[in-house]
PDB file of N, CA and C in Angstrom:
ATOM      1  N   UNK A   1      -6.314  -8.084  26.104  1.00  0.00           N
ATOM      2  CA  UNK A   1      -6.787  -7.423  24.767  1.00  0.00           C
ATOM      3  C   UNK A   1      -6.617  -8.189  23.557  1.00  0.00           C
ATOM      4  N   UNK A   2      -5.319  -8.657  23.818  1.00  0.00           N
ATOM      5  CA  UNK A   2      -4.903  -8.933  21.876  1.00  0.00           C
ATOM      6  C   UNK A   2      -6.362  -9.503  21.711  1.00  0.00           C
ATOM      7  N   UNK A   3      -6.788 -11.167  21.912  1.00  0.00           N
ATOM      8  CA  UNK A   3      -8.121 -11.436  21.148  1.00  0.00           C
ATOM      9  C   UNK A   3      -9.040 -10.181  20.512  1.00  0.00           C
ATOM     10  N   UNK A   4      -9.088  -9.494  21.418  1.00  0.00           N
ATOM     11  CA  UNK A   4     -10.426  -7.963  20.830  1.00  0.00           C
ATOM     12  C   UNK A   4     -10.297  -8.159  19.246  1.00  0.00           C
ATOM     13  N   UNK A   5      -8.210  -7.784  18.937  1.00  0.00           N
ATOM     14  CA  UNK A   5      -8.172  -7.949  17.627  1.00  0.00           C
ATOM     15  C   UNK A   5      -8.422  -8.641  16.540  1.00  0.00           C
ATOM     16  N   UNK A   6      -8.994  -9.857  17.028  1.00  0.00           N
ATOM     17  CA  UNK A   6      -9.024 -10.679  15.912  1.00  0.00           C
ATOM     18  C   UNK A   6      -9.874 -10.427  14.317  1.00  0.00           C
ATOM     19  N   UNK A   7     -11.237  -9.484  15.541  1.00  0.00           N
ATOM     20  CA  UNK A   7     -12.198  -8.830  14.255  1.00  0.00           C
ATOM     21  C   UNK A   7     -11.289  -8.170  13.128  1.00  0.00           C
ATOM     22  N   UNK A   8     -10.488  -7.668  13.713  1.00  0.00           N
ATOM     23  CA  UNK A   8      -9.287  -6.511  12.926  1.00  0.00           C
ATOM     24  C   UNK A   8      -8.627  -7.382  11.989  1.00  0.00           C
ATOM     25  N   UNK A   9      -8.201  -8.368  12.721  1.00  0.00           N
ATOM     26  CA  UNK A   9      -7.012  -9.294  12.170  1.00  0.00           C
ATOM     27  C   UNK A   9      -5.629  -8.860  12.559  1.00  0.00           C
ATOM     28  N   UNK A  10      -5.272  -8.379  13.564  1.00  0.00           N
ATOM     29  CA  UNK A  10      -4.429  -7.574  13.800  1.00  0.00           C
ATOM     30  C   UNK A  10      -3.758  -8.171  15.031  1.00  0.00           C
ATOM     31  N   UNK A  11      -2.225  -8.149  14.938  1.00  0.00           N
ATOM     32  CA  UNK A  11      -1.466  -8.302  16.140  1.00  0.00           C
ATOM     33  C   UNK A  11      -0.645  -7.175  16.318  1.00  0.00           C
ATOM     34  N   UNK A  12      -0.199  -6.661  17.626  1.00  0.00           N
ATOM     35  CA  UNK A  12       0.651  -5.922  17.950  1.00  0.00           C
ATOM     36  C   UNK A  12       1.781  -6.179  18.282  1.00  0.00           C
ATOM     37  N   UNK A  13       3.061  -6.664  17.666  1.00  0.00           N
ATOM     38  CA  UNK A  13       4.094  -7.059  18.956  1.00  0.00           C
ATOM     39  C   UNK A  13       4.828  -5.547  19.411  1.00  0.00           C
ATOM     40  N   UNK A  14       5.532  -6.315  20.734  1.00  0.00           N
ATOM     41  CA  UNK A  14       6.135  -5.092  21.309  1.00  0.00           C
ATOM     42  C   UNK A  14       7.282  -5.837  22.311  1.00  0.00           C
ATOM     43  N   UNK A  15       8.656  -5.062  22.636  1.00  0.00           N
ATOM     44  CA  UNK A  15       9.147  -5.977  22.979  1.00  0.00           C
ATOM     45  C   UNK A  15       8.777  -5.890  24.433  1.00  0.00           C
ATOM     46  N   UNK A  16       9.969  -5.706  25.536  1.00  0.00           N
ATOM     47  CA  UNK A  16       9.981  -6.138  27.001  1.00  0.00           C
ATOM     48  C   UNK A  16       9.208  -4.482  27.342  1.00  0.00           C
ATOM     49  N   UNK A  17       9.924  -3.328  26.879  1.00  0.00           N
ATOM     50  CA  UNK A  17       9.904  -1.468  27.242  1.00  0.00           C
ATOM     51  C   UNK A  17       8.927  -1.132  27.003  1.00  0.00           C
ATOM     52  N   UNK A  18       7.774  -2.375  26.530  1.00  0.00           N
ATOM     53  CA  UNK A  18       6.692  -1.669  26.095  1.00  0.00           C
ATOM     54  C   UNK A  18       5.837  -0.901  27.709  1.00  0.00           C
ATOM     55  N   UNK A  19       5.375  -0.031  27.687  1.00  0.00           N
ATOM     56  CA  UNK A  19       4.831   0.648  28.563  1.00  0.00           C
ATOM     57  C   UNK A  19       3.241  -0.133  29.260  1.00  0.00           C
ATOM     58  N   UNK A  20       2.765   0.352  30.308  1.00  0.00           N
ATOM     59  CA  UNK A  20       1.401  -0.629  30.776  1.00  0.00           C
ATOM     60  C   UNK A  20       0.307  -0.442  29.807  1.00  0.00           C
ATOM     61  N   UNK A  21       0.424   0.618  29.068  1.00  0.00           N
ATOM     62  CA  UNK A  21      -1.084   0.723  28.062  1.00  0.00           C
ATOM     63  C   UNK A  21      -1.199   0.205  27.374  1.00  0.00           C
ATOM     64  N   UNK A  22       0.051  -0.181  26.570  1.00  0.00           N
ATOM     65  CA  UNK A  22       0.810  -1.076  25.369  1.00  0.00           C
ATOM     66  C   UNK A  22       0.522  -2.195  25.566  1.00  0.00           C
ATOM     67  N   UNK A  23       1.458  -2.749  26.695  1.00  0.00           N
ATOM     68  CA  UNK A  23       1.156  -4.084  26.934  1.00  0.00           C
ATOM     69  C   UNK A  23      -0.052  -4.785  27.482  1.00  0.00           C
ATOM     70  N   UNK A  24      -1.362  -3.674  27.376  1.00  0.00           N
ATOM     71  CA  UNK A  24      -2.347  -4.015  27.131  1.00  0.00           C
ATOM     72  C   UNK A  24      -3.161  -4.554  26.495  1.00  0.00           C
ATOM     73  N   UNK A  25      -2.480  -4.289  25.166  1.00  0.00           N
ATOM     74  CA  UNK A  25      -3.273  -4.648  23.665  1.00  0.00           C
ATOM     75  C   UNK A  25      -2.146  -5.100  22.945  1.00  0.00           C
ATOM     76  N   UNK A  26      -0.893  -5.686  23.285  1.00  0.00           N
ATOM     77  CA  UNK A  26       0.491  -6.241  22.901  1.00  0.00           C
ATOM     78  C   UNK A  26       0.313  -7.250  22.916  1.00  0.00           C
ATOM     79  N   UNK A  27       1.173  -7.717  22.112  1.00  0.00           N
ATOM     80  CA  UNK A  27       1.674  -8.727  22.272  1.00  0.00           C
ATOM     81  C   UNK A  27       2.943  -9.118  22.877  1.00  0.00           C
ATOM     82  N   UNK A  28       3.401  -9.212  23.977  1.00  0.00           N
ATOM     83  CA  UNK A  28       5.185  -8.970  24.498  1.00  0.00           C
ATOM     84  C   UNK A  28       5.320  -9.751  24.410  1.00  0.00           C
ATOM     85  N   UNK A  29       6.852  -9.833  23.356  1.00  0.00           N
ATOM     86  CA  UNK A  29       8.130 -11.057  22.867  1.00  0.00           C
ATOM     87  C   UNK A  29       9.326 -10.391  23.476  1.00  0.00           C
ATOM     88  N   UNK A  30      10.296 -11.311  23.777  1.00  0.00           N
ATOM     89  CA  UNK A  30      11.612 -11.257  23.872  1.00  0.00           C
ATOM     90  C   UNK A  30      12.220 -11.486  22.358  1.00  0.00           C
ATOM     91  N   UNK A  31      13.011 -11.015  21.526  1.00  0.00           N
ATOM     92  CA  UNK A  31      13.937 -11.317  20.776  1.00  0.00           C
ATOM     93  C   UNK A  31      15.390 -12.411  20.990  1.00  0.00           C
ATOM     94  N   UNK A  32      15.235 -13.448  20.025  1.00  0.00           N
ATOM     95  CA  UNK A  32      16.237 -13.800  20.959  1.00  0.00           C
ATOM     96  C   UNK A  32      17.459 -13.788  19.450  1.00  0.00           C
ATOM     97  N   UNK A  33      17.218 -13.348  18.484  1.00  0.00           N
ATOM     98  CA  UNK A  33      17.887 -13.487  17.824  1.00  0.00           C
ATOM     99  C   UNK A  33      17.285 -12.349  16.130  1.00  0.00           C
ATOM    100  N   UNK A  34      18.158 -11.133  16.062  1.00  0.00           N
ATOM    101  CA  UNK A  34      17.656 -10.227  15.135  1.00  0.00           C
ATOM    102  C   UNK A  34      18.108  -9.275  14.037  1.00  0.00           C
ATOM    103  N   UNK A  35      18.598 -10.372  13.252  1.00  0.00           N
ATOM    104  CA  UNK A  35      19.154  -9.743  11.907  1.00  0.00           C
ATOM    105  C   UNK A  35      18.767  -8.675  11.358  1.00  0.00           C
ATOM    106  N   UNK A  36      19.364  -6.961  11.535  1.00  0.00           N
ATOM    107  CA  UNK A  36      18.991  -6.081  10.911  1.00  0.00           C
ATOM    108  C   UNK A  36      17.907  -6.266   9.438  1.00  0.00           C
ATOM    109  N   UNK A  37      17.057  -5.440   9.170  1.00  0.00           N
ATOM    110  CA  UNK A  37      16.608  -5.583   7.919  1.00  0.00           C
ATOM    111  C   UNK A  37      15.379  -6.639   8.076  1.00  0.00           C
ATOM    112  N   UNK A  38      14.903  -7.557   8.946  1.00  0.00           N
ATOM    113  CA  UNK A  38      14.730  -9.135   8.645  1.00  0.00           C
ATOM    114  C   UNK A  38      13.137  -9.233   8.098  1.00  0.00           C
ATOM    115  N   UNK A  39      12.761  -8.175   8.299  1.00  0.00           N
ATOM    116  CA  UNK A  39      11.294  -8.373   7.556  1.00  0.00           C
ATOM    117  C   UNK A  39      11.063  -7.412   6.088  1.00  0.00           C
ATOM    118  N   UNK A  40      10.922  -8.462   5.281  1.00  0.00           N
ATOM    119  CA  UNK A  40      11.275  -8.309   3.946  1.00  0.00           C
ATOM    120  C   UNK A  40       9.688  -8.397   2.865  1.00  0.00           C
ATOM    121  N   UNK A  41       9.401  -7.643   2.009  1.00  0.00           N
ATOM    122  CA  UNK A  41       8.693  -8.253   1.045  1.00  0.00           C
ATOM    123  C   UNK A  41       9.366  -9.890   0.407  1.00  0.00           C
ATOM    124  N   UNK A  42       8.009 -10.785   0.184  1.00  0.00           N
ATOM    125  CA  UNK A  42       8.299 -12.225   0.494  1.00  0.00           C
ATOM    126  C   UNK A  42       8.868 -13.045   0.900  1.00  0.00           C
ATOM    127  N   UNK A  43       8.799 -12.689   2.037  1.00  0.00           N
ATOM    128  CA  UNK A  43       9.750 -13.143   3.246  1.00  0.00           C
ATOM    129  C   UNK A  43       8.616 -13.962   3.721  1.00  0.00           C
ATOM    130  N   UNK A  44       8.817 -14.658   5.130  1.00  0.00           N
ATOM    131  CA  UNK A  44       7.625 -15.195   5.817  1.00  0.00           C
ATOM    132  C   UNK A  44       7.720 -14.751   6.924  1.00  0.00           C
ATOM    133  N   UNK A  45       6.312 -14.587   7.788  1.00  0.00           N
ATOM    134  CA  UNK A  45       6.052 -14.695   9.261  1.00  0.00           C
ATOM    135  C   UNK A  45       5.431 -16.331   9.644  1.00  0.00           C
ATOM    136  N   UNK A  46       6.626 -16.709  10.717  1.00  0.00           N
ATOM    137  CA  UNK A  46       5.618 -18.201  11.045  1.00  0.00           C
ATOM    138  C   UNK A  46       5.491 -17.583  12.648  1.00  0.00           C
ATOM    139  N   UNK A  47       3.731 -17.927  13.086  1.00  0.00           N
ATOM    140  CA  UNK A  47       3.439 -17.685  14.416  1.00  0.00           C
ATOM    141  C   UNK A  47       3.098 -19.266  14.774  1.00  0.00           C
ATOM    142  N   UNK A  48       3.421 -19.666  15.540  1.00  0.00           N
ATOM    143  CA  UNK A  48       2.943 -21.424  16.281  1.00  0.00           C
ATOM    144  C   UNK A  48       3.578 -21.575  14.961  1.00  0.00           C
ATOM    145  N   UNK A  49       2.780 -22.632  14.194  1.00  0.00           N
ATOM    146  CA  UNK A  49       2.548 -23.849  13.643  1.00  0.00           C
ATOM    147  C   UNK A  49       2.621 -23.222  11.688  1.00  0.00           C
ATOM    148  N   UNK A  50       1.665 -21.862  12.541  1.00  0.00           N
ATOM    149  CA  UNK A  50       1.330 -21.069  10.715  1.00  0.00           C
ATOM    150  C   UNK A  50       2.542 -20.570   9.963  1.00  0.00           C
ATOM    151  N   UNK A  51       2.588 -19.934   8.639  1.00  0.00           N
ATOM    152  CA  UNK A  51       3.234 -19.783   7.996  1.00  0.00           C
ATOM    153  C   UNK A  51       2.464 -18.877   7.136  1.00  0.00           C
ATOM    154  N   UNK A  52       2.807 -17.261   7.673  1.00  0.00           N
ATOM    155  CA  UNK A  52       2.428 -16.151   6.695  1.00  0.00           C
ATOM    156  C   UNK A  52       3.425 -15.575   5.723  1.00  0.00           C
ATOM    157  N   UNK A  53       2.958 -14.879   4.181  1.00  0.00           N
ATOM    158  CA  UNK A  53       3.596 -14.439   3.066  1.00  0.00           C
ATOM    159  C   UNK A  53       3.763 -12.803   3.500  1.00  0.00           C
ATOM    160  N   UNK A  54       4.347 -12.645   3.398  1.00  0.00           N
ATOM    161  CA  UNK A  54       4.947 -11.075   4.132  1.00  0.00           C
ATOM    162  C   UNK A  54       4.429 -10.031   2.760  1.00  0.00           C
ATOM    163  N   UNK A  55       3.515  -9.280   2.492  1.00  0.00           N
ATOM    164  CA  UNK A  55       3.179  -9.042   1.264  1.00  0.00           C
ATOM    165  C   UNK A  55       3.095  -7.393   0.926  1.00  0.00           C
ATOM    166  N   UNK A  56       3.253  -6.746   2.039  1.00  0.00           N
ATOM    167  CA  UNK A  56       3.825  -5.320   2.477  1.00  0.00           C
ATOM    168  C   UNK A  56       4.512  -5.110   3.490  1.00  0.00           C
ATOM    169  N   UNK A  57       5.328  -4.003   3.465  1.00  0.00           N
ATOM    170  CA  UNK A  57       6.381  -3.779   4.605  1.00  0.00           C
ATOM    171  C   UNK A  57       6.704  -2.163   5.043  1.00  0.00           C
ATOM    172  N   UNK A  58       5.871  -1.419   5.956  1.00  0.00           N
ATOM    173  CA  UNK A  58       5.866  -0.053   5.659  1.00  0.00           C
ATOM    174  C   UNK A  58       7.192   0.125   6.083  1.00  0.00           C
ATOM    175  N   UNK A  59       7.636   2.009   5.282  1.00  0.00           N
ATOM    176  CA  UNK A  59       8.665   2.276   5.668  1.00  0.00           C
ATOM    177  C   UNK A  59       9.331   2.430   7.018  1.00  0.00           C
ATOM    178  N   UNK A  60       8.473   2.150   8.517  1.00  0.00           N
ATOM    179  CA  UNK A  60       9.318   1.904   9.755  1.00  0.00           C
ATOM    180  C   UNK A  60       9.402   0.955  10.163  1.00  0.00           C
ATOM    181  N   UNK A  61       8.849  -0.113   9.920  1.00  0.00           N
ATOM    182  CA  UNK A  61       8.718  -1.389  10.436  1.00  0.00           C
ATOM    183  C   UNK A  61       9.655  -1.765  10.913  1.00  0.00           C
ATOM    184  N   UNK A  62      10.558  -2.054   9.831  1.00  0.00           N
ATOM    185  CA  UNK A  62      12.142  -1.926  10.343  1.00  0.00           C
ATOM    186  C   UNK A  62      12.883  -1.926  11.651  1.00  0.00           C
ATOM    187  N   UNK A  63      12.556  -0.311  11.523  1.00  0.00           N
ATOM    188  CA  UNK A  63      13.438   0.594  12.533  1.00  0.00           C
ATOM    189  C   UNK A  63      12.863  -0.088  13.627  1.00  0.00           C
ATOM    190  N   UNK A  64      11.307   0.374  13.656  1.00  0.00           N
ATOM    191  CA  UNK A  64      10.683   0.282  15.075  1.00  0.00           C
ATOM    192  C   UNK A  64      10.864  -1.350  15.468  1.00  0.00           C
ATOM    193  N   UNK A  65      11.266  -2.267  14.190  1.00  0.00           N
ATOM    194  CA  UNK A  65      11.042  -3.515  15.180  1.00  0.00           C
ATOM    195  C   UNK A  65      12.305  -3.872  15.637  1.00  0.00           C
ATOM    196  N   UNK A  66      13.703  -3.248  15.287  1.00  0.00           N
ATOM    197  CA  UNK A  66      15.049  -2.982  15.488  1.00  0.00           C
ATOM    198  C   UNK A  66      14.905  -2.636  17.147  1.00  0.00           C
ATOM    199  N   UNK A  67      14.427  -1.567  17.150  1.00  0.00           N
ATOM    200  CA  UNK A  67      14.586  -0.059  18.285  1.00  0.00           C
ATOM    201  C   UNK A  67      13.721  -1.124  19.773  1.00  0.00           C
ATOM    202  N   UNK A  68      12.532  -1.138  18.938  1.00  0.00           N
ATOM    203  CA  UNK A  68      11.301  -1.311  19.975  1.00  0.00           C
ATOM    204  C   UNK A  68      10.588  -2.551  19.973  1.00  0.00           C
ATOM    205  N   UNK A  69      10.824  -3.548  18.871  1.00  0.00           N
ATOM    206  CA  UNK A  69      10.419  -4.671  18.743  1.00  0.00           C
ATOM    207  C   UNK A  69       8.978  -4.718  18.561  1.00  0.00           C
ATOM    208  N   UNK A  70       8.564  -3.544  18.019  1.00  0.00           N
ATOM    209  CA  UNK A  70       7.172  -3.134  17.782  1.00  0.00           C
ATOM    210  C   UNK A  70       7.316  -3.358  16.181  1.00  0.00           C
ATOM    211  N   UNK A  71       5.977  -4.366  15.795  1.00  0.00           N
ATOM    212  CA  UNK A  71       5.840  -3.581  14.464  1.00  0.00           C
ATOM    213  C   UNK A  71       4.115  -4.314  14.028  1.00  0.00           C
ATOM    214  N   UNK A  72       3.137  -3.741  13.877  1.00  0.00           N
ATOM    215  CA  UNK A  72       1.581  -4.085  13.700  1.00  0.00           C
ATOM    216  C   UNK A  72       1.278  -5.011  12.423  1.00  0.00           C
ATOM    217  N   UNK A  73       1.119  -6.297  12.427  1.00  0.00           N
ATOM    218  CA  UNK A  73       0.692  -7.234  11.863  1.00  0.00           C
ATOM    219  C   UNK A  73      -0.709  -7.530  11.064  1.00  0.00           C
ATOM    220  N   UNK A  74      -0.891  -6.976   9.856  1.00  0.00           N
ATOM    221  CA  UNK A  74      -2.156  -7.330   9.426  1.00  0.00           C
ATOM    222  C   UNK A  74      -2.751  -8.204   8.952  1.00  0.00           C
ATOM    223  N   UNK A  75      -3.430  -9.160   9.306  1.00  0.00           N
ATOM    224  CA  UNK A  75      -3.549 -10.486   8.028  1.00  0.00           C
ATOM    225  C   UNK A  75      -4.611 -10.231   7.332  1.00  0.00           C
ATOM    226  N   UNK A  76      -4.257  -9.637   5.918  1.00  0.00           N
ATOM    227  CA  UNK A  76      -5.116  -9.702   5.115  1.00  0.00           C
ATOM    228  C   UNK A  76      -4.906 -10.174   3.506  1.00  0.00           C
ATOM    229  N   UNK A  77      -6.229 -10.409   2.834  1.00  0.00           N
ATOM    230  CA  UNK A  77      -5.627 -11.250   1.621  1.00  0.00           C
ATOM    231  C   UNK A  77      -5.775  -9.636   0.374  1.00  0.00           C
ATOM    232  N   UNK A  78      -5.907  -8.736   0.921  1.00  0.00           N
ATOM    233  CA  UNK A  78      -6.082  -7.840  -0.242  1.00  0.00           C
ATOM    234  C   UNK A  78      -4.634  -6.933   0.214  1.00  0.00           C
ATOM    235  N   UNK A  79      -4.021  -6.242  -0.578  1.00  0.00           N
ATOM    236  CA  UNK A  79      -2.987  -5.861  -0.423  1.00  0.00           C
ATOM    237  C   UNK A  79      -3.255  -3.767  -0.532  1.00  0.00           C
ATOM    238  N   UNK A  80      -2.978  -2.817   0.241  1.00  0.00           N
ATOM    239  CA  UNK A  80      -3.859  -1.436   0.417  1.00  0.00           C
ATOM    240  C   UNK A  80      -2.914  -0.802   1.296  1.00  0.00           C
ATOM    241  N   UNK A  81      -3.655   0.128   1.149  1.00  0.00           N
ATOM    242  CA  UNK A  81      -2.770   1.151   2.512  1.00  0.00           C
ATOM    243  C   UNK A  81      -2.061   0.245   3.264  1.00  0.00           C
ATOM    244  N   UNK A  82      -0.679   1.016   3.821  1.00  0.00           N
ATOM    245  CA  UNK A  82       0.089   0.590   4.869  1.00  0.00           C
ATOM    246  C   UNK A  82       0.168   1.486   5.928  1.00  0.00           C
ATOM    247  N   UNK A  83       0.403   1.396   7.245  1.00  0.00           N
ATOM    248  CA  UNK A  83       0.997   2.458   7.970  1.00  0.00           C
ATOM    249  C   UNK A  83       2.420   2.382   8.114  1.00  0.00           C
ATOM    250  N   UNK A  84       3.252   3.240   8.112  1.00  0.00           N
ATOM    251  CA  UNK A  84       4.833   3.151   8.200  1.00  0.00           C
ATOM    252  C   UNK A  84       5.093   2.005   8.710  1.00  0.00           C
ATOM    253  N   UNK A  85       4.793   1.873   9.947  1.00  0.00           N
ATOM    254  CA  UNK A  85       5.184   1.002  10.965  1.00  0.00           C
ATOM    255  C   UNK A  85       4.554  -0.812  11.301  1.00  0.00           C
ATOM    256  N   UNK A  86       3.538  -0.763  10.169  1.00  0.00           N
ATOM    257  CA  UNK A  86       2.824  -2.132   9.985  1.00  0.00           C
ATOM    258  C   UNK A  86       3.381  -2.990   8.851  1.00  0.00           C
ATOM    259  N   UNK A  87       3.114  -4.116   8.702  1.00  0.00           N
ATOM    260  CA  UNK A  87       3.336  -4.874   7.807  1.00  0.00           C
ATOM    261  C   UNK A  87       2.037  -6.006   7.269  1.00  0.00           C
ATOM    262  N   UNK A  88       1.818  -6.172   6.365  1.00  0.00           N
ATOM    263  CA  UNK A  88       0.583  -6.895   5.519  1.00  0.00           C
ATOM    264  C   UNK A  88       1.111  -8.580   5.055  1.00  0.00           C
ATOM    265  N   UNK A  89       0.465  -9.523   6.068  1.00  0.00           N
ATOM    266  CA  UNK A  89       0.730 -10.849   5.361  1.00  0.00           C
ATOM    267  C   UNK A  89      -0.538 -11.095   4.895  1.00  0.00           C
ATOM    268  N   UNK A  90      -0.408 -12.470   4.394  1.00  0.00           N
ATOM    269  CA  UNK A  90      -1.333 -13.332   3.557  1.00  0.00           C
ATOM    270  C   UNK A  90      -1.242 -14.764   4.184  1.00  0.00           C
ATOM    271  N   UNK A  91      -2.118 -15.744   3.813  1.00  0.00           N
ATOM    272  CA  UNK A  91      -3.587 -15.547   4.209  1.00  0.00           C
ATOM    273  C   UNK A  91      -3.790 -14.563   4.917  1.00  0.00           C
ATOM    274  N   UNK A  92      -5.226 -14.560   5.155  1.00  0.00           N
ATOM    275  CA  UNK A  92      -5.682 -13.003   5.845  1.00  0.00           C
ATOM    276  C   UNK A  92      -6.734 -14.063   7.217  1.00  0.00           C
ATOM    277  N   UNK A  93      -6.003 -15.355   7.460  1.00  0.00           N
ATOM    278  CA  UNK A  93      -6.266 -15.587   8.595  1.00  0.00           C
ATOM    279  C   UNK A  93      -5.926 -15.647   9.756  1.00  0.00           C
ATOM    280  N   UNK A  94      -6.698 -15.263  11.177  1.00  0.00           N
ATOM    281  CA  UNK A  94      -5.947 -14.110  12.265  1.00  0.00           C
ATOM    282  C   UNK A  94      -5.345 -16.166  12.643  1.00  0.00           C
ATOM    283  N   UNK A  95      -4.360 -15.959  13.242  1.00  0.00           N
ATOM    284  CA  UNK A  95      -3.489 -17.346  13.898  1.00  0.00           C
ATOM    285  C   UNK A  95      -4.024 -17.592  15.600  1.00  0.00           C
ATOM    286  N   UNK A  96      -4.029 -18.507  15.873  1.00  0.00           N
ATOM    287  CA  UNK A  96      -4.517 -19.007  16.571  1.00  0.00           C
ATOM    288  C   UNK A  96      -2.886 -18.928  17.461  1.00  0.00           C
ATOM    289  N   UNK A  97      -3.099 -18.291  18.709  1.00  0.00           N
ATOM    290  CA  UNK A  97      -1.677 -18.778  19.576  1.00  0.00           C
ATOM    291  C   UNK A  97      -1.750 -18.717  20.779  1.00  0.00           C
ATOM    292  N   UNK A  98      -0.710 -19.563  21.525  1.00  0.00           N
ATOM    293  CA  UNK A  98      -0.923 -19.181  23.098  1.00  0.00           C
ATOM    294  C   UNK A  98       0.315 -18.929  23.652  1.00  0.00           C
ATOM    295  N   UNK A  99       0.571 -18.173  24.681  1.00  0.00           N
ATOM    296  CA  UNK A  99       1.728 -17.990  25.295  1.00  0.00           C
ATOM    297  C   UNK A  99       2.849 -19.037  24.913  1.00  0.00           C
ATOM    298  N   UNK A 100       4.032 -18.294  24.579  1.00  0.00           N
ATOM    299  CA  UNK A 100       5.132 -19.406  24.791  1.00  0.00           C
ATOM    300  C   UNK A 100       5.009 -20.084  23.126  1.00  0.00           C
ATOM    301  N   UNK A 101       4.441 -19.449  22.402  1.00  0.00           N
ATOM    302  CA  UNK A 101       3.966 -19.845  20.515  1.00  0.00           C
ATOM    303  C   UNK A 101       5.452 -18.796  20.433  1.00  0.00           C
ATOM    304  N   UNK A 102       5.853 -19.652  19.225  1.00  0.00           N
ATOM    305  CA  UNK A 102       7.571 -18.428  18.640  1.00  0.00           C
ATOM    306  C   UNK A 102       6.980 -18.018  17.564  1.00  0.00           C
ATOM    307  N   UNK A 103       7.457 -16.586  17.479  1.00  0.00           N
ATOM    308  CA  UNK A 103       7.046 -15.969  16.268  1.00  0.00           C
ATOM    309  C   UNK A 103       7.888 -15.491  15.623  1.00  0.00           C
ATOM    310  N   UNK A 104       8.506 -16.013  14.296  1.00  0.00           N
ATOM    311  CA  UNK A 104       9.283 -15.552  13.579  1.00  0.00           C
ATOM    312  C   UNK A 104       9.261 -14.696  11.897  1.00  0.00           C
ATOM    313  N   UNK A 105      10.588 -14.036  11.768  1.00  0.00           N
ATOM    314  CA  UNK A 105      10.655 -13.749  10.516  1.00  0.00           C
ATOM    315  C   UNK A 105      11.676 -14.421   9.699  1.00  0.00           C
ATOM    316  N   UNK A 106      11.401 -15.181   9.015  1.00  0.00           N
ATOM    317  CA  UNK A 106      12.467 -15.784   7.843  1.00  0.00           C
ATOM    318  C   UNK A 106      12.541 -15.279   6.233  1.00  0.00           C
TER     319      UNK A 106
END
């Protein structure tokens, strides 16, 4: 169901321990290297060949990502209210991606 979220410009990441219900709506990934608090305002998100600027980071984004591999990524040009487990990145273009593409926070 991940492509269905393109209209919302949203990707939900979850680690391999995601429940079957979450697997239906999430990009399941494995972390190769996870420095603590790697998601920060001013940082970058790379999805395949696309690079995004991290504009906002919710208060629980890093703890959720560290523990569960979970974060909701909103691709927006405007900054606004943010959920605790989410981040907002720009530009607001939903990334074209394929199974096997790397997702990296830098």
